[in-house]
Amino acid sequence: MGKYNMRFIIPVALIAAMGGLLFGYDWVVIGGAKPFYERFFGITGNPGLQGFAMSSALIGCIFGAAISGWVTDQYGRKISLLICALLFTVSGLGTGMADHFGSFIFWRILGGFGIGIASAASPVYIAEITPPAFRGSFVSLNQLAIVVGILAAQIINYLIAEPVPEGATDVIISSSWNGQTGWRWMFWAESFPAFLFFLLAFFVPESPRWLIKEGKTEKALSILLRTGSSDYASNAFQEISGTLAREKQGFSLLRLMNRKVRKVVLLGIALAVFQQWCGINVVFNYAEEVFSSAGYSITSMLFNIVITGIINLIFTFVAIRTVDSAGRKSLMLIGSAGLAITYLILGAGYYFGFKGMPILVMVVIAIAIYAMSLAPVTWVVLSEIFPNSIRGSAMAVATSALWIASAVLVITFPYLHRLLKASGTFWVYSAICIAGFLLIFFRLPETKGKSLEKIESLMQT
């Protein structure tokens, strides 16, 4: 511990993790605003437009993630963080000011760009600026920030919204403060921390790995010396320089299919897709269907969502505490196996007609397992396993795959739910988790405590 300068590392990692906090807030805030902006824009009777509004940010996520590798490799990790902060600030203001549905969609897509870039840039930056011994915990801070952002959006939405009278019509809701102004403040609230993130990002240093890649070795060494002792800085500098010297640098999707790196890129894509297809996010996106199938009313459902948010936060702390001791692979194996078993039981509960508390307990257990394993650890692994020379490009591809998988999950759930009911749907997710367990067991090496350069060597064996 003594050879590392935590007074430098912790503030820098926390600032970078603000990208995750805004990612979480922007992703969830629309849920609380939904009953009000839909009536303001008059789309309550149009399922297509309702779905388009809910998923519009996802479009931006996919494209934002796709260009994140080019941005981070071409202009650096720090510039990427500044771009994220600016996008979150502007999109929050713009969405709240929208008076037409078209402009509302535009600003939501722009916010999605910010989510897509942040989901790749923040964990990569944190991974590259922190020492190997603590990297897992620090990268997990990004997931913790996402969870805090989600919970903050739920609380802020609740505090902003005025009580809705029982049996209020669409016209009454549309003309109320909630319908005219309240939903706007839900989006505007994001701009305050986003602008703070923009200001603070100016004070973080560039990633030393990117600086060395660009030939700015003196700056890189000075940052490594601020990170830790002279011995640490010297060793890290030599390791980074050695791996970067082996190949020509630069963003290139074609280089990702090179025989030497293709295996690890495909593994990263598979892990990213699995994190979404393990199914837990349907609880957040389709809480009404999940809980109404268990006999819960709308009011009870909203309370249950708060419970799931709190559990999500608590068990993310468990992941931060254990990721550098238990290890990445161990936690991901526990997560995939635990979810597979939980979904089998949950599906049986639905099949045999259980209602109320037993279903809620199993859903909460599933979220706890996900929060302490696959949710944060997948981001840690993705930030570690790709070689220095292609990290930005590979992270962009893996993150794009994650958001495409998320879109597929969101789109297919209603069809699965209609065709297989809740029981069959969760059994499908259980089967996917078993496949994920086998993938992790046979293909993913343990990366805890290793430098990024040693992991690169390990992945190529």
Protein backbone atom coordinates (compact mmCIF):
# COMPACT_ATOMS: atom_id res chain seq x y z
CA MET A 1 0.00 0.00 0.00
CA GLY A 2 2.87 2.37 0.86
CA LYS A 3 4.29 2.40 -2.66
CA TYR A 4 1.03 3.76 -4.10
CA ASN A 5 -0.22 7.34 -3.79
CA MET A 6 -3.87 6.86 -2.88
CA ARG A 7 -4.37 10.61 -2.42
CA PHE A 8 -3.83 10.88 -6.17
CA ILE A 9 -5.46 7.63 -7.34
CA ILE A 10 -8.75 7.80 -5.42
CA PRO A 11 -9.89 11.31 -6.52
CA VAL A 12 -8.96 10.60 -10.15
CA ALA A 13 -10.87 7.29 -10.15
CA LEU A 14 -13.90 8.89 -8.49
CA ILE A 15 -14.04 11.67 -11.08
CA ALA A 16 -13.83 9.13 -13.91
CA ALA A 17 -16.57 7.08 -12.24
CA MET A 18 -18.92 10.07 -12.53
CA GLY A 19 -19.34 8.93 -16.12
CA GLY A 20 -20.92 5.78 -14.70
CA LEU A 21 -23.14 7.76 -12.31
CA LEU A 22 -24.54 9.85 -15.16
CA PHE A 23 -24.83 6.72 -17.30
CA GLY A 24 -27.09 5.19 -14.60
CA TYR A 25 -29.13 8.34 -14.08
CA ASP A 26 -29.72 9.00 -17.77
CA TRP A 27 -30.66 5.38 -18.40
CA VAL A 28 -33.35 5.23 -15.67
CA VAL A 29 -34.71 8.77 -15.37
CA ILE A 30 -37.08 8.28 -18.30
CA GLY A 31 -39.01 5.64 -16.34
CA GLY A 32 -40.24 8.15 -13.74
CA ALA A 33 -40.97 10.79 -16.38
CA LYS A 34 -42.85 8.34 -18.63
CA PRO A 35 -46.42 8.82 -17.25
CA PHE A 36 -46.12 12.58 -17.74
CA TYR A 37 -44.19 13.22 -20.98
CA GLU A 38 -46.35 10.62 -22.77
CA ARG A 39 -49.46 12.62 -21.97
CA PHE A 40 -47.72 15.91 -22.77
CA PHE A 41 -46.82 14.65 -26.26
CA GLY A 42 -50.12 12.78 -26.68
CA ILE A 43 -48.62 9.34 -27.36
CA THR A 44 -50.40 7.30 -24.67
CA GLY A 45 -52.50 5.51 -27.28
CA ASN A 46 -49.60 4.74 -29.62
CA PRO A 47 -47.52 1.72 -28.48
CA GLY A 48 -45.03 2.26 -31.32
CA LEU A 49 -44.19 5.82 -30.26
CA GLN A 50 -44.19 4.84 -26.59
CA GLY A 51 -41.64 2.11 -27.31
CA PHE A 52 -39.60 4.44 -29.52
CA ALA A 53 -39.39 7.02 -26.73
CA MET A 54 -38.30 4.41 -24.18
CA SER A 55 -35.67 2.86 -26.46
CA SER A 56 -34.38 6.00 -28.22
CA ALA A 57 -31.42 6.36 -25.87
CA LEU A 58 -30.46 2.78 -26.73
CA ILE A 59 -29.97 3.84 -30.36
CA GLY A 60 -27.49 6.45 -29.19
CA CYS A 61 -25.83 3.89 -26.88
CA ILE A 62 -25.05 1.56 -29.77
CA PHE A 63 -23.56 4.29 -31.95
CA GLY A 64 -21.78 5.97 -29.02
CA ALA A 65 -20.16 2.68 -28.03
CA ALA A 66 -19.23 2.03 -31.67
CA ILE A 67 -17.24 5.28 -31.97
CA SER A 68 -15.84 5.18 -28.42
CA GLY A 69 -12.80 3.17 -29.48
CA TRP A 70 -11.91 5.61 -32.22
CA VAL A 71 -12.36 8.58 -29.87
CA THR A 72 -10.36 7.05 -27.00
CA ASP A 73 -7.55 5.85 -29.28
CA GLN A 74 -7.40 8.97 -31.43
CA TYR A 75 -7.87 11.71 -28.85
CA GLY A 76 -7.17 10.00 -25.53
CA ARG A 77 -9.13 8.78 -22.53
CA LYS A 78 -9.38 12.23 -20.92
CA ILE A 79 -10.97 13.84 -23.99
CA SER A 80 -13.46 10.96 -24.07
CA LEU A 81 -14.52 11.73 -20.49
CA LEU A 82 -14.95 15.41 -21.35
CA ILE A 83 -17.09 14.52 -24.38
CA CYS A 84 -19.29 12.27 -22.20
CA ALA A 85 -19.77 15.03 -19.64
CA LEU A 86 -20.67 17.56 -22.32
CA LEU A 87 -23.17 15.20 -23.96
CA PHE A 88 -24.88 14.46 -20.63
CA THR A 89 -25.07 18.17 -19.78
CA VAL A 90 -26.49 19.26 -23.14
CA SER A 91 -28.88 16.31 -23.54
CA GLY A 92 -30.33 16.80 -20.05
CA LEU A 93 -31.04 20.46 -20.75
CA GLY A 94 -32.36 19.77 -24.24
CA THR A 95 -34.66 16.91 -23.24
CA GLY A 96 -36.23 19.01 -20.51
CA MET A 97 -36.77 21.93 -22.91
CA ALA A 98 -38.37 19.82 -25.67
CA ASP A 99 -41.82 20.97 -26.76
CA HIS A 100 -42.12 18.56 -29.67
CA PHE A 101 -41.79 14.79 -29.71
CA GLY A 102 -39.16 14.88 -32.45
CA SER A 103 -36.82 17.12 -30.47
CA PHE A 104 -37.43 15.00 -27.36
CA ILE A 105 -36.22 11.92 -29.29
CA PHE A 106 -33.21 13.80 -30.67
CA TRP A 107 -31.98 14.83 -27.23
CA ARG A 108 -32.58 11.33 -25.82
CA ILE A 109 -30.50 9.82 -28.63
CA LEU A 110 -27.76 12.37 -27.91
CA GLY A 111 -27.82 11.35 -24.25
CA GLY A 112 -27.53 7.75 -25.41
CA PHE A 113 -24.33 8.70 -27.25
CA GLY A 114 -22.99 9.85 -23.89
CA ILE A 115 -23.99 6.56 -22.25
CA GLY A 116 -22.35 4.55 -25.03
CA ILE A 117 -19.05 6.42 -24.83
CA ALA A 118 -19.04 6.52 -21.02
CA SER A 119 -19.73 2.79 -20.74
CA ALA A 120 -16.44 2.14 -22.56
CA ALA A 121 -14.28 5.15 -21.64
CA SER A 122 -14.75 5.28 -17.85
CA PRO A 123 -13.77 1.67 -17.00
CA VAL A 124 -10.87 1.72 -19.49
CA TYR A 125 -9.50 4.95 -18.02
CA ILE A 126 -9.81 3.68 -14.44
CA ALA A 127 -8.14 0.37 -15.37
CA GLU A 128 -5.21 2.16 -16.99
CA ILE A 129 -4.63 4.70 -14.22
CA THR A 130 -4.76 2.31 -11.23
CA PRO A 131 -2.19 -0.26 -9.97
CA PRO A 132 -2.86 -3.99 -10.57
CA ALA A 133 -3.34 -4.80 -6.88
CA PHE A 134 -6.39 -2.54 -6.61
CA ARG A 135 -7.62 -2.35 -10.20
CA GLY A 136 -10.64 -4.61 -9.71
CA SER A 137 -11.97 -2.56 -6.81
CA PHE A 138 -11.41 0.73 -8.59
CA VAL A 139 -13.02 -0.38 -11.87
CA SER A 140 -15.93 -1.73 -9.82
CA LEU A 141 -16.40 1.83 -8.57
CA ASN A 142 -17.75 2.58 -12.04
CA GLN A 143 -20.49 -0.04 -11.59
CA LEU A 144 -21.19 1.30 -8.09
CA ALA A 145 -21.55 4.76 -9.61
CA ILE A 146 -24.01 3.38 -12.19
CA VAL A 147 -26.09 1.83 -9.42
CA VAL A 148 -25.97 5.07 -7.39
CA GLY A 149 -27.08 6.96 -10.50
CA ILE A 150 -30.01 4.57 -10.97
CA LEU A 151 -31.09 4.95 -7.35
CA ALA A 152 -30.62 8.74 -7.52
CA ALA A 153 -32.89 8.93 -10.57
CA GLN A 154 -35.58 6.91 -8.77
CA ILE A 155 -35.39 9.10 -5.66
CA ILE A 156 -35.26 12.40 -7.57
CA ASN A 157 -38.21 11.38 -9.75
CA TYR A 158 -40.16 10.54 -6.60
CA LEU A 159 -39.29 13.86 -4.94
CA ILE A 160 -40.10 15.96 -8.01
CA ALA A 161 -43.44 14.36 -8.90
CA GLU A 162 -46.53 15.65 -7.14
CA PRO A 163 -49.13 13.08 -5.99
CA VAL A 164 -51.44 11.99 -8.80
CA PRO A 165 -55.13 11.89 -7.77
CA GLU A 166 -56.78 8.47 -7.91
CA GLY A 167 -58.53 7.99 -11.24
CA ALA A 168 -57.01 11.12 -12.84
CA THR A 169 -57.62 11.25 -16.59
CA ASP A 170 -54.99 11.84 -19.25
CA VAL A 171 -56.22 15.40 -19.69
CA ILE A 172 -55.93 16.17 -15.97
CA ILE A 173 -52.44 14.67 -15.75
CA SER A 174 -51.29 16.44 -18.93
CA SER A 175 -52.42 19.84 -17.66
CA SER A 176 -51.02 19.32 -14.15
CA TRP A 177 -47.64 20.55 -12.93
CA ASN A 178 -46.28 17.05 -13.44
CA GLY A 179 -47.48 16.98 -17.02
CA GLN A 180 -46.27 20.47 -17.94
CA THR A 181 -43.14 21.05 -15.85
CA GLY A 182 -42.36 18.22 -13.43
CA TRP A 183 -41.09 15.75 -16.03
CA ARG A 184 -38.80 18.46 -17.42
CA TRP A 185 -37.07 18.91 -14.05
CA MET A 186 -36.45 15.16 -13.90
CA PHE A 187 -34.22 15.54 -16.97
CA TRP A 188 -32.82 18.96 -16.03
CA ALA A 189 -31.63 17.56 -12.69
CA GLU A 190 -29.05 15.49 -14.58
CA SER A 191 -27.35 18.58 -15.99
CA PHE A 192 -26.07 19.77 -12.61
CA PRO A 193 -23.81 16.77 -11.82
CA ALA A 194 -23.00 16.45 -15.55
CA PHE A 195 -21.61 19.99 -15.68
CA LEU A 196 -19.66 19.33 -12.46
CA PHE A 197 -18.20 16.22 -14.11
CA PHE A 198 -17.25 18.35 -17.13
CA LEU A 199 -15.35 20.81 -14.92
CA LEU A 200 -13.63 18.14 -12.81
CA ALA A 201 -12.56 16.12 -15.87
CA PHE A 202 -10.22 18.96 -16.84
CA PHE A 203 -8.16 18.20 -13.73
CA VAL A 204 -7.63 14.46 -14.28
CA PRO A 205 -4.42 13.36 -16.02
CA GLU A 206 -4.32 11.48 -19.30
CA SER A 207 -3.83 7.70 -19.20
CA PRO A 208 -0.08 6.95 -19.10
CA ARG A 209 -0.61 4.02 -21.45
CA TRP A 210 -2.19 6.28 -24.08
CA LEU A 211 0.59 8.85 -23.62
CA ILE A 212 3.28 6.22 -24.16
CA LYS A 213 1.42 4.99 -27.22
CA GLU A 214 1.52 8.54 -28.57
CA GLY A 215 5.23 8.92 -27.80
CA LYS A 216 4.70 11.34 -24.89
CA THR A 217 6.92 9.35 -22.58
CA GLU A 218 7.96 12.15 -20.20
CA LYS A 219 4.35 13.03 -19.39
CA ALA A 220 3.52 9.35 -18.94
CA LEU A 221 6.41 8.81 -16.55
CA SER A 222 5.47 11.88 -14.52
CA ILE A 223 1.92 10.50 -14.07
CA LEU A 224 3.24 7.07 -13.10
CA LEU A 225 5.48 8.78 -10.50
CA ARG A 226 2.41 10.56 -9.11
CA THR A 227 0.62 7.19 -8.96
CA GLY A 228 3.27 5.35 -6.99
CA SER A 229 6.89 4.97 -5.98
CA SER A 230 9.82 5.32 -8.37
CA ASP A 231 10.21 1.52 -8.49
CA TYR A 232 6.53 1.10 -9.40
CA ALA A 233 6.73 3.86 -12.02
CA SER A 234 9.89 2.41 -13.58
CA ASN A 235 8.53 -1.14 -13.76
CA ALA A 236 5.15 -0.03 -15.10
CA PHE A 237 6.81 2.21 -17.70
CA GLN A 238 9.00 -0.65 -18.95
CA GLU A 239 6.10 -3.11 -19.11
CA ILE A 240 3.86 -0.71 -21.01
CA SER A 241 6.60 0.32 -23.42
CA GLY A 242 7.50 -3.30 -24.06
CA THR A 243 4.00 -4.38 -25.04
CA LEU A 244 3.29 -1.27 -27.12
CA ALA A 245 6.55 -1.62 -29.03
CA ARG A 246 5.54 -4.97 -30.46
CA GLU A 247 2.88 -3.68 -32.79
CA LYS A 248 1.97 -0.57 -34.72
CA GLN A 249 -0.63 1.38 -32.79
CA GLY A 250 -3.89 2.92 -33.88
CA PHE A 251 -7.62 2.35 -34.08
CA SER A 252 -8.44 -0.33 -36.64
CA LEU A 253 -11.36 -2.71 -36.69
CA LEU A 254 -9.50 -4.90 -39.19
CA ARG A 255 -6.70 -5.46 -36.65
CA LEU A 256 -9.25 -6.99 -34.27
CA MET A 257 -9.55 -9.99 -36.60
CA ASN A 258 -5.81 -10.62 -36.55
CA ARG A 259 -5.15 -14.23 -35.60
CA LYS A 260 -3.18 -13.22 -32.48
CA VAL A 261 -6.00 -11.18 -30.93
CA ARG A 262 -9.15 -12.61 -32.53
CA LYS A 263 -9.69 -15.15 -29.73
CA VAL A 264 -9.65 -12.57 -26.95
CA VAL A 265 -11.86 -10.14 -28.90
CA LEU A 266 -14.47 -12.85 -29.45
CA LEU A 267 -14.27 -13.77 -25.76
CA GLY A 268 -14.86 -10.14 -24.80
CA ILE A 269 -17.88 -9.93 -27.11
CA ALA A 270 -19.30 -13.17 -25.68
CA LEU A 271 -18.90 -11.95 -22.07
CA ALA A 272 -20.51 -8.60 -22.91
CA VAL A 273 -23.49 -10.30 -24.57
CA PHE A 274 -23.83 -12.74 -21.68
CA GLN A 275 -23.97 -9.91 -19.13
CA GLN A 276 -27.19 -8.75 -20.84
CA TRP A 277 -28.68 -12.07 -21.88
CA CYS A 278 -28.43 -13.44 -18.36
CA GLY A 279 -31.79 -11.72 -18.10
CA ILE A 280 -31.67 -9.65 -14.94
CA ASN A 281 -32.30 -6.34 -16.70
CA VAL A 282 -35.84 -7.39 -17.62
CA VAL A 283 -36.67 -6.85 -13.96
CA PHE A 284 -35.76 -3.16 -14.34
CA ASN A 285 -37.20 -2.68 -17.83
CA TYR A 286 -40.36 -4.73 -17.40
CA ALA A 287 -41.03 -4.53 -13.67
CA GLU A 288 -44.77 -4.21 -14.28
CA GLU A 289 -44.98 -7.52 -16.16
CA VAL A 290 -42.62 -9.32 -13.76
CA PHE A 291 -44.46 -8.27 -10.60
CA SER A 292 -48.01 -8.20 -11.97
CA SER A 293 -47.54 -11.86 -12.95
CA ALA A 294 -46.92 -12.45 -9.24
CA GLY A 295 -50.12 -10.66 -8.25
CA TYR A 296 -48.68 -7.26 -7.26
CA SER A 297 -50.57 -3.99 -7.83
CA ILE A 298 -48.97 -0.94 -9.46
CA THR A 299 -48.39 0.73 -6.09
CA SER A 300 -46.78 -2.39 -4.68
CA MET A 301 -44.73 -2.75 -7.85
CA LEU A 302 -43.26 0.73 -7.39
CA PHE A 303 -42.31 -0.11 -3.83
CA ASN A 304 -40.72 -3.36 -5.01
CA ILE A 305 -38.61 -1.41 -7.51
CA VAL A 306 -37.19 0.65 -4.63
CA ILE A 307 -36.33 -2.57 -2.79
CA THR A 308 -34.53 -3.96 -5.84
CA GLY A 309 -32.60 -0.69 -6.20
CA ILE A 310 -31.42 -0.79 -2.60
CA ILE A 311 -30.37 -4.45 -2.87
CA ASN A 312 -28.57 -3.64 -6.10
CA LEU A 313 -26.57 -0.94 -4.32
CA ILE A 314 -25.74 -3.01 -1.22
CA PHE A 315 -24.42 -6.00 -3.15
CA THR A 316 -22.37 -3.84 -5.49
CA PHE A 317 -20.35 -2.98 -2.36
CA VAL A 318 -19.87 -6.71 -1.85
CA ALA A 319 -18.36 -6.95 -5.34
CA ILE A 320 -15.98 -4.06 -4.66
CA ARG A 321 -14.87 -5.75 -1.44
CA THR A 322 -14.27 -9.17 -2.99
CA VAL A 323 -13.23 -8.65 -6.63
CA ASP A 324 -9.53 -8.30 -5.80
CA SER A 325 -9.52 -11.11 -3.21
CA ALA A 326 -11.93 -13.73 -4.55
CA GLY A 327 -10.99 -12.96 -8.12
CA ARG A 328 -12.82 -12.12 -11.33
CA LYS A 329 -13.33 -15.64 -12.65
CA SER A 330 -14.57 -17.00 -9.32
CA LEU A 331 -17.18 -14.26 -8.93
CA MET A 332 -18.41 -14.68 -12.49
CA LEU A 333 -18.74 -18.43 -12.02
CA ILE A 334 -20.66 -17.88 -8.79
CA GLY A 335 -22.88 -15.34 -10.52
CA SER A 336 -23.73 -17.44 -13.57
CA ALA A 337 -24.36 -20.61 -11.52
CA GLY A 338 -26.34 -18.70 -8.88
CA LEU A 339 -28.57 -17.05 -11.46
CA ALA A 340 -29.14 -20.34 -13.28
CA ILE A 341 -30.37 -21.99 -10.05
CA THR A 342 -32.40 -18.93 -8.98
CA TYR A 343 -34.14 -18.72 -12.36
CA LEU A 344 -35.01 -22.43 -12.23
CA ILE A 345 -36.69 -21.89 -8.85
CA LEU A 346 -38.29 -18.60 -9.93
CA GLY A 347 -39.70 -20.21 -13.09
CA ALA A 348 -41.11 -23.07 -11.00
CA GLY A 349 -42.70 -20.52 -8.68
CA TYR A 350 -44.48 -18.88 -11.58
CA TYR A 351 -45.41 -22.27 -13.08
CA PHE A 352 -47.05 -23.52 -9.88
CA GLY A 353 -48.85 -20.22 -9.31
CA PHE A 354 -46.97 -18.79 -6.34
CA LYS A 355 -47.82 -15.15 -5.64
CA GLY A 356 -46.45 -12.25 -3.63
CA MET A 357 -43.52 -12.60 -1.26
CA PRO A 358 -41.95 -15.87 -2.55
CA ILE A 359 -41.58 -14.34 -6.04
CA LEU A 360 -40.26 -11.06 -4.66
CA VAL A 361 -37.68 -12.90 -2.55
CA MET A 362 -36.38 -14.86 -5.56
CA VAL A 363 -36.20 -11.69 -7.69
CA VAL A 364 -34.27 -9.92 -4.93
CA ILE A 365 -31.88 -12.88 -4.62
CA ALA A 366 -31.28 -12.81 -8.39
CA ILE A 367 -30.51 -9.08 -8.30
CA ALA A 368 -28.17 -9.55 -5.33
CA ILE A 369 -26.26 -12.28 -7.18
CA TYR A 370 -26.03 -10.18 -10.34
CA ALA A 371 -24.93 -7.05 -8.45
CA MET A 372 -22.05 -8.83 -6.71
CA SER A 373 -20.82 -10.67 -9.78
CA LEU A 374 -21.73 -10.26 -13.44
CA ALA A 375 -22.81 -6.59 -13.29
CA PRO A 376 -19.50 -5.07 -12.10
CA VAL A 377 -17.02 -7.86 -12.80
CA THR A 378 -17.82 -8.05 -16.51
CA TRP A 379 -16.71 -4.41 -16.85
CA VAL A 380 -13.55 -5.16 -14.88
CA VAL A 381 -12.68 -8.11 -17.14
CA LEU A 382 -13.43 -6.20 -20.33
CA SER A 383 -11.18 -3.35 -19.21
CA GLU A 384 -8.33 -5.82 -18.56
CA ILE A 385 -8.23 -8.61 -21.13
CA PHE A 386 -7.64 -6.66 -24.34
CA PRO A 387 -4.03 -5.92 -25.40
CA ASN A 388 -2.78 -2.35 -25.00
CA SER A 389 -2.47 -1.93 -28.75
CA ILE A 390 -6.18 -2.59 -29.45
CA ARG A 391 -7.81 -1.82 -26.09
CA GLY A 392 -9.84 1.16 -27.31
CA SER A 393 -10.98 -0.58 -30.50
CA ALA A 394 -11.78 -3.88 -28.80
CA MET A 395 -13.60 -2.19 -25.91
CA ALA A 396 -15.71 -0.29 -28.45
CA VAL A 397 -16.69 -3.49 -30.23
CA ALA A 398 -17.44 -5.35 -26.99
CA THR A 399 -19.48 -2.45 -25.61
CA SER A 400 -21.41 -2.13 -28.88
CA ALA A 401 -22.17 -5.84 -28.67
CA LEU A 402 -23.38 -5.34 -25.10
CA TRP A 403 -25.82 -2.61 -26.11
CA ILE A 404 -27.05 -4.55 -29.13
CA ALA A 405 -27.60 -7.54 -26.82
CA SER A 406 -29.47 -5.24 -24.45
CA ALA A 407 -31.73 -4.14 -27.30
CA VAL A 408 -32.38 -7.77 -28.25
CA LEU A 409 -33.22 -8.57 -24.62
CA VAL A 410 -35.66 -5.65 -24.37
CA ILE A 411 -37.31 -6.48 -27.69
CA THR A 412 -37.64 -10.24 -27.16
CA PHE A 413 -38.94 -10.27 -23.58
CA PRO A 414 -42.56 -9.34 -24.43
CA TYR A 415 -42.65 -12.08 -27.07
CA LEU A 416 -41.09 -14.66 -24.76
CA HIS A 417 -43.44 -13.64 -21.97
CA ARG A 418 -46.45 -14.00 -24.25
CA LEU A 419 -45.30 -17.32 -25.75
CA LEU A 420 -43.74 -19.06 -22.75
CA LYS A 421 -45.29 -17.11 -19.86
CA ALA A 422 -43.11 -15.92 -16.98
CA SER A 423 -42.10 -19.44 -16.01
CA GLY A 424 -40.78 -20.48 -19.43
CA THR A 425 -39.06 -17.13 -19.95
CA PHE A 426 -36.98 -17.44 -16.79
CA TRP A 427 -36.14 -21.04 -17.66
CA VAL A 428 -34.73 -19.78 -20.97
CA TYR A 429 -32.58 -17.29 -19.04
CA SER A 430 -31.48 -20.14 -16.76
CA ALA A 431 -30.27 -22.11 -19.79
CA ILE A 432 -28.35 -19.05 -21.01
CA CYS A 433 -26.69 -18.74 -17.59
CA ILE A 434 -25.58 -22.38 -17.75
CA ALA A 435 -24.01 -21.70 -21.16
CA GLY A 436 -22.32 -18.61 -19.70
CA PHE A 437 -20.95 -20.67 -16.80
CA LEU A 438 -19.34 -23.12 -19.23
CA LEU A 439 -17.86 -20.29 -21.30
CA ILE A 440 -16.28 -18.65 -18.24
CA PHE A 441 -15.05 -21.96 -16.78
CA PHE A 442 -13.28 -23.12 -19.92
CA ARG A 443 -12.22 -19.87 -21.65
CA LEU A 444 -11.59 -17.12 -19.07
CA PRO A 445 -8.31 -17.12 -17.09
CA GLU A 446 -8.07 -15.45 -13.68
CA THR A 447 -6.73 -11.90 -13.99
CA LYS A 448 -6.67 -10.62 -10.39
CA GLY A 449 -3.44 -9.03 -9.21
CA LYS A 450 -1.80 -9.05 -12.64
CA SER A 451 -0.60 -6.03 -14.60
CA LEU A 452 -2.37 -5.29 -17.86
CA GLU A 453 0.81 -6.30 -19.66
CA LYS A 454 0.98 -9.68 -17.90
CA ILE A 455 -2.70 -10.27 -18.68
CA GLU A 456 -1.95 -9.53 -22.33
CA SER A 457 0.74 -12.20 -22.33
CA LEU A 458 -1.57 -14.63 -20.51
CA MET A 459 -4.41 -14.15 -23.00
CA GLN A 460 -2.14 -14.93 -25.93
CA THR A 461 -1.04 -18.32 -24.59
